[in-house]
Amino acid sequence: MTQTIKVCFVVETTFKMTSYLADVQASMDDIVDDLCFRNQTAKVLVGAVHYRDYKDADDLTVTPFMSPTDFFSIPVDIVDQSRTWWWSENDAANVAQGLNAVNSLDWDGADVKLIFHYGISPAHGSQFHEADVS
């Protein structure tokens, strides 16, 4: 019986992540390559959630599960161009929305479910935590 492995990449795609996104893309590719190599009889499906800052209009992108070949052939520019002209230390990535969107994917039929989360930092700014948190 063929095992089905579903892997979801949850990626912060804010301006703060710009310098890391090429490495994130390479890491995603390496993880899927390794999964496919180690599980040659398994059916591997890949999906993704890209999230941004709270104030961004286009703050979430969900890519449904598909074959690795189809997934990695999608032309994706995950660099947050909307924030290159303005950024302050009080912008916070909408991590909760990104992780919640993982539930919107179709996980049915998965024998193994994997989630990899890439982000730069937790929420920052006094509106997101107690004043004594640093």
Protein backbone atom coordinates (compact mmCIF):
# COMPACT_ATOMS: atom_id res chain seq x y z
CA MET A 1 0.00 0.00 0.00
CA THR A 2 1.35 3.41 -0.99
CA GLN A 3 1.87 5.88 1.82
CA THR A 4 0.79 9.49 1.27
CA ILE A 5 2.95 12.24 2.77
CA LYS A 6 1.60 15.79 2.77
CA VAL A 7 4.02 18.58 3.59
CA CYS A 8 3.03 22.21 4.06
CA PHE A 9 5.48 25.10 4.11
CA VAL A 10 4.32 28.10 6.13
CA VAL A 11 6.43 31.11 5.19
CA GLU A 12 6.51 34.69 6.42
CA THR A 13 6.89 36.78 3.27
CA THR A 14 7.34 40.22 4.76
CA PHE A 15 10.05 42.75 3.91
CA LYS A 16 11.91 41.61 7.03
CA MET A 17 12.35 38.16 5.43
CA THR A 18 13.69 39.43 2.09
CA SER A 19 17.32 38.48 2.72
CA TYR A 20 16.33 34.96 3.85
CA LEU A 21 13.84 33.96 1.16
CA ALA A 22 16.35 32.46 -1.27
CA ASP A 23 17.59 30.18 1.53
CA VAL A 24 14.00 29.33 2.45
CA GLN A 25 13.29 28.31 -1.15
CA ALA A 26 16.43 26.15 -1.20
CA SER A 27 15.49 24.56 2.12
CA MET A 28 12.01 23.72 0.87
CA ASP A 29 13.50 22.06 -2.20
CA ASP A 30 16.00 20.10 -0.08
CA ILE A 31 13.29 18.88 2.30
CA VAL A 32 11.07 17.62 -0.51
CA ASP A 33 14.01 16.03 -2.33
CA ASP A 34 14.99 14.22 0.88
CA LEU A 35 11.40 13.08 1.53
CA CYS A 36 11.09 11.70 -1.98
CA PHE A 37 14.49 10.00 -1.81
CA ARG A 38 13.85 8.39 1.60
CA ASN A 39 10.29 7.37 0.70
CA GLN A 40 10.55 6.31 -2.92
CA THR A 41 7.29 4.38 -2.89
CA ALA A 42 5.35 7.15 -1.14
CA LYS A 43 3.13 9.72 -2.78
CA VAL A 44 4.51 13.12 -1.66
CA LEU A 45 2.27 16.19 -1.97
CA VAL A 46 3.39 19.74 -1.27
CA GLY A 47 1.37 22.81 -0.27
CA ALA A 48 2.19 26.23 1.14
CA VAL A 49 0.90 29.20 3.07
CA HIS A 50 2.60 32.58 2.66
CA TYR A 51 1.62 35.25 5.18
CA ARG A 52 2.52 38.89 5.63
CA ASP A 53 2.07 41.71 8.14
CA TYR A 54 -1.25 42.53 9.80
CA LYS A 55 -1.77 45.71 7.78
CA ASP A 56 -1.07 44.27 4.32
CA ALA A 57 -4.06 44.06 1.97
CA ASP A 58 -2.85 40.87 0.28
CA ASP A 59 -1.74 39.28 3.51
CA LEU A 60 -2.21 35.59 2.72
CA THR A 61 -1.58 33.17 -0.13
CA VAL A 62 -2.54 29.49 0.10
CA THR A 63 -1.24 26.94 -2.41
CA PRO A 64 -3.12 23.62 -2.27
CA PHE A 65 -1.36 20.27 -2.13
CA MET A 66 0.10 19.06 -5.44
CA SER A 67 2.97 16.98 -6.73
CA PRO A 68 6.47 18.31 -6.04
CA THR A 69 7.03 18.78 -9.79
CA ASP A 70 3.90 20.92 -10.11
CA PHE A 71 4.61 22.81 -6.88
CA PHE A 72 8.16 23.77 -7.76
CA SER A 73 7.21 24.73 -11.33
CA ILE A 74 4.88 27.49 -10.12
CA PRO A 75 6.58 30.84 -10.71
CA VAL A 76 6.48 32.40 -7.26
CA ASP A 77 7.83 35.74 -6.15
CA ILE A 78 7.44 35.57 -2.39
CA VAL A 79 9.36 38.79 -1.77
CA ASP A 80 7.09 41.33 -0.17
CA GLN A 81 7.30 44.19 -2.67
CA SER A 82 4.47 46.06 -0.92
CA ARG A 83 6.70 46.81 2.05
CA THR A 84 9.93 47.89 0.35
CA TRP A 85 8.96 51.55 0.56
CA TRP A 86 7.78 51.59 4.17
CA TRP A 87 8.59 49.58 7.22
CA SER A 88 8.72 50.28 10.93
CA GLU A 89 9.76 48.17 13.88
CA ASN A 90 6.12 47.99 15.00
CA ASP A 91 4.87 46.01 12.01
CA ALA A 92 4.12 42.46 13.07
CA ALA A 93 3.75 39.42 10.88
CA ASN A 94 0.35 37.76 11.04
CA VAL A 95 1.71 34.42 12.21
CA ALA A 96 -1.61 33.33 13.71
CA GLN A 97 -3.43 33.87 10.41
CA GLY A 98 -0.74 31.94 8.55
CA LEU A 99 -0.86 28.98 10.91
CA ASN A 100 -4.66 29.03 10.94
CA ALA A 101 -4.70 28.86 7.13
CA VAL A 102 -2.89 25.52 7.33
CA ASN A 103 -6.24 24.08 8.42
CA SER A 104 -7.85 25.23 5.16
CA LEU A 105 -5.71 22.78 3.19
CA ASP A 106 -7.11 19.35 2.32
CA TRP A 107 -5.23 17.01 4.67
CA ASP A 108 -7.57 14.06 3.94
CA GLY A 109 -5.82 10.87 2.92
CA ALA A 110 -2.48 11.83 4.44
CA ASP A 111 -0.67 9.06 6.32
CA VAL A 112 2.02 11.53 7.34
CA LYS A 113 1.42 15.27 7.85
CA LEU A 114 4.39 17.65 8.04
CA ILE A 115 4.48 21.41 8.59
CA PHE A 116 7.62 23.52 8.26
CA HIS A 117 7.38 27.13 9.47
CA TYR A 118 9.81 29.83 8.36
CA GLY A 119 9.68 33.24 10.05
CA ILE A 120 11.97 36.02 11.14
CA SER A 121 10.75 36.91 14.62
CA PRO A 122 7.79 36.84 16.97
CA ALA A 123 5.37 39.75 17.12
CA HIS A 124 7.02 42.96 18.22
CA GLY A 125 5.47 46.20 19.38
CA SER A 126 3.79 46.94 22.69
CA GLN A 127 0.30 46.37 21.22
CA PHE A 128 1.07 42.63 20.89
CA HIS A 129 2.36 41.79 24.40
CA GLU A 130 2.81 43.03 27.96
CA ALA A 131 5.10 46.03 28.41
CA ASP A 132 7.72 44.03 30.35
CA VAL A 133 8.25 41.47 27.58
CA SER A 134 11.48 41.99 25.64
